[in-house]
Amino acid sequence: MSNNQNKNKTNENKMNESEDFQPIRTACEMFGGVRGFAKAINIAPSAVTNWAIKKNPVPIIRCVEIEELTGGMVTRKQLRPDDWHLIWPELRGRD
């Protein structure tokens, strides 16, 4: 196994920790894992892992895309729980 393959495997294993971000875990499961989800949104798997382990928040610009790709199974509200109401005020009162 190459060094990059080991690195990718390590990144995917990090998502199994109990502290991971559930909306990203759900999205990854829908696409067969970190790599599949990252490919679907055209970003590096390491970026997805960083969102999953809460190292970085999901960028605002990616939230609508993720919501659409998952058919609403993962929502903007879930992806940005602390500030969604400021970014998308039209979602207030919807559940």
C-alpha atoms as a PDB file:
ATOM      1  CA  MET A   1       0.000   0.000   0.000  1.00  0.00           C
ATOM      2  CA  SER A   2       1.415   3.402  -0.967  1.00  0.00           C
ATOM      3  CA  ASN A   3       1.923   6.265   1.448  1.00  0.00           C
ATOM      4  CA  ASN A   4      -1.036   8.159  -0.067  1.00  0.00           C
ATOM      5  CA  GLN A   5      -3.289   5.115   0.314  1.00  0.00           C
ATOM      6  CA  ASN A   6      -2.268   4.803   3.958  1.00  0.00           C
ATOM      7  CA  LYS A   7      -2.936   8.510   4.458  1.00  0.00           C
ATOM      8  CA  ASN A   8      -6.421   8.212   2.885  1.00  0.00           C
ATOM      9  CA  LYS A   9      -7.209   5.171   5.028  1.00  0.00           C
ATOM     10  CA  THR A  10      -6.121   7.119   8.127  1.00  0.00           C
ATOM     11  CA  ASN A  11      -8.387  10.030   7.139  1.00  0.00           C
ATOM     12  CA  GLU A  12     -11.358   7.688   6.686  1.00  0.00           C
ATOM     13  CA  ASN A  13     -10.672   6.026  10.034  1.00  0.00           C
ATOM     14  CA  LYS A  14     -10.787   9.415  11.758  1.00  0.00           C
ATOM     15  CA  MET A  15     -14.440   9.640  10.766  1.00  0.00           C
ATOM     16  CA  ASN A  16     -15.235   6.685  12.995  1.00  0.00           C
ATOM     17  CA  GLU A  17     -14.518   8.686  16.112  1.00  0.00           C
ATOM     18  CA  SER A  18     -17.493   9.511  18.313  1.00  0.00           C
ATOM     19  CA  GLU A  19     -16.820  13.250  18.089  1.00  0.00           C
ATOM     20  CA  ASP A  20     -17.279  13.512  14.328  1.00  0.00           C
ATOM     21  CA  PHE A  21     -19.796  15.804  12.674  1.00  0.00           C
ATOM     22  CA  GLN A  22     -22.874  13.689  11.939  1.00  0.00           C
ATOM     23  CA  PRO A  23     -24.132  15.604   8.873  1.00  0.00           C
ATOM     24  CA  ILE A  24     -20.824  15.006   7.094  1.00  0.00           C
ATOM     25  CA  ARG A  25     -20.793  11.365   8.167  1.00  0.00           C
ATOM     26  CA  THR A  26     -24.276  10.986   6.669  1.00  0.00           C
ATOM     27  CA  ALA A  27     -23.203  12.607   3.396  1.00  0.00           C
ATOM     28  CA  CYS A  28     -20.125  10.385   3.207  1.00  0.00           C
ATOM     29  CA  GLU A  29     -22.189   7.259   3.809  1.00  0.00           C
ATOM     30  CA  MET A  30     -24.484   8.261   0.940  1.00  0.00           C
ATOM     31  CA  PHE A  31     -21.493   8.437  -1.418  1.00  0.00           C
ATOM     32  CA  GLY A  32     -19.640   5.350  -0.196  1.00  0.00           C
ATOM     33  CA  GLY A  33     -17.147   7.105   2.061  1.00  0.00           C
ATOM     34  CA  VAL A  34     -14.942  10.157   2.302  1.00  0.00           C
ATOM     35  CA  ARG A  35     -13.372   9.763  -1.121  1.00  0.00           C
ATOM     36  CA  GLY A  36     -16.700   9.252  -2.875  1.00  0.00           C
ATOM     37  CA  PHE A  37     -18.239  12.302  -1.239  1.00  0.00           C
ATOM     38  CA  ALA A  38     -15.149  14.429  -1.894  1.00  0.00           C
ATOM     39  CA  LYS A  39     -15.228  13.405  -5.548  1.00  0.00           C
ATOM     40  CA  ALA A  40     -18.934  14.280  -5.804  1.00  0.00           C
ATOM     41  CA  ILE A  41     -18.232  17.849  -4.678  1.00  0.00           C
ATOM     42  CA  ASN A  42     -14.827  18.059  -6.378  1.00  0.00           C
ATOM     43  CA  ILE A  43     -12.634  18.672  -3.336  1.00  0.00           C
ATOM     44  CA  ALA A  44      -9.795  16.869  -1.594  1.00  0.00           C
ATOM     45  CA  PRO A  45     -10.745  14.047   0.798  1.00  0.00           C
ATOM     46  CA  SER A  46      -8.657  15.764   3.475  1.00  0.00           C
ATOM     47  CA  ALA A  47     -11.038  18.757   3.375  1.00  0.00           C
ATOM     48  CA  VAL A  48     -14.004  16.462   4.026  1.00  0.00           C
ATOM     49  CA  THR A  49     -12.136  14.790   6.876  1.00  0.00           C
ATOM     50  CA  ASN A  50     -11.398  18.180   8.406  1.00  0.00           C
ATOM     51  CA  TRP A  51     -15.104  19.006   8.322  1.00  0.00           C
ATOM     52  CA  ALA A  52     -15.959  15.611   9.796  1.00  0.00           C
ATOM     53  CA  ILE A  53     -13.604  15.975  12.737  1.00  0.00           C
ATOM     54  CA  LYS A  54     -14.736  19.581  13.242  1.00  0.00           C
ATOM     55  CA  LYS A  55     -11.293  20.968  12.491  1.00  0.00           C
ATOM     56  CA  ASN A  56     -12.875  23.339   9.951  1.00  0.00           C
ATOM     57  CA  PRO A  57     -16.518  24.304   9.452  1.00  0.00           C
ATOM     58  CA  VAL A  58     -18.226  23.414   6.205  1.00  0.00           C
ATOM     59  CA  PRO A  59     -17.796  26.483   3.975  1.00  0.00           C
ATOM     60  CA  ILE A  60     -21.005  28.402   3.366  1.00  0.00           C
ATOM     61  CA  ILE A  61     -20.505  28.112  -0.383  1.00  0.00           C
ATOM     62  CA  ARG A  62     -20.672  24.286  -0.142  1.00  0.00           C
ATOM     63  CA  CYS A  63     -23.813  23.972   1.991  1.00  0.00           C
ATOM     64  CA  VAL A  64     -26.498  24.387  -0.684  1.00  0.00           C
ATOM     65  CA  GLU A  65     -24.563  22.063  -2.979  1.00  0.00           C
ATOM     66  CA  ILE A  66     -24.383  19.382  -0.280  1.00  0.00           C
ATOM     67  CA  GLU A  67     -28.060  19.806   0.571  1.00  0.00           C
ATOM     68  CA  GLU A  68     -28.984  19.341  -3.102  1.00  0.00           C
ATOM     69  CA  LEU A  69     -26.599  16.400  -3.685  1.00  0.00           C
ATOM     70  CA  THR A  70     -28.032  14.569  -0.679  1.00  0.00           C
ATOM     71  CA  GLY A  71     -31.619  15.265  -1.681  1.00  0.00           C
ATOM     72  CA  GLY A  72     -32.176  17.175   1.544  1.00  0.00           C
ATOM     73  CA  MET A  73     -30.949  14.362   3.789  1.00  0.00           C
ATOM     74  CA  VAL A  74     -28.212  16.748   4.928  1.00  0.00           C
ATOM     75  CA  THR A  75     -29.453  20.315   5.300  1.00  0.00           C
ATOM     76  CA  ARG A  76     -27.849  23.744   5.500  1.00  0.00           C
ATOM     77  CA  LYS A  77     -29.188  24.031   9.037  1.00  0.00           C
ATOM     78  CA  GLN A  78     -27.347  20.842   9.991  1.00  0.00           C
ATOM     79  CA  LEU A  79     -24.140  21.881   8.251  1.00  0.00           C
ATOM     80  CA  ARG A  80     -24.027  25.349   9.871  1.00  0.00           C
ATOM     81  CA  PRO A  81     -25.879  24.854  13.196  1.00  0.00           C
ATOM     82  CA  ASP A  82     -24.473  27.974  14.845  1.00  0.00           C
ATOM     83  CA  ASP A  83     -25.066  30.542  12.131  1.00  0.00           C
ATOM     84  CA  TRP A  84     -27.519  29.218   9.533  1.00  0.00           C
ATOM     85  CA  HIS A  85     -30.165  31.720  10.660  1.00  0.00           C
ATOM     86  CA  LEU A  86     -27.808  34.597   9.824  1.00  0.00           C
ATOM     87  CA  ILE A  87     -26.789  33.201   6.432  1.00  0.00           C
ATOM     88  CA  TRP A  88     -30.187  31.950   5.250  1.00  0.00           C
ATOM     89  CA  PRO A  89     -32.838  33.911   7.179  1.00  0.00           C
ATOM     90  CA  GLU A  90     -35.517  32.569   4.815  1.00  0.00           C
ATOM     91  CA  LEU A  91     -35.104  29.167   6.524  1.00  0.00           C
ATOM     92  CA  ARG A  92     -36.282  30.472   9.904  1.00  0.00           C
ATOM     93  CA  GLY A  93     -39.393  28.692  11.062  1.00  0.00           C
ATOM     94  CA  ARG A  94     -38.886  25.761   8.677  1.00  0.00           C
ATOM     95  CA  ASP A  95     -38.068  22.275   9.860  1.00  0.00           C
END
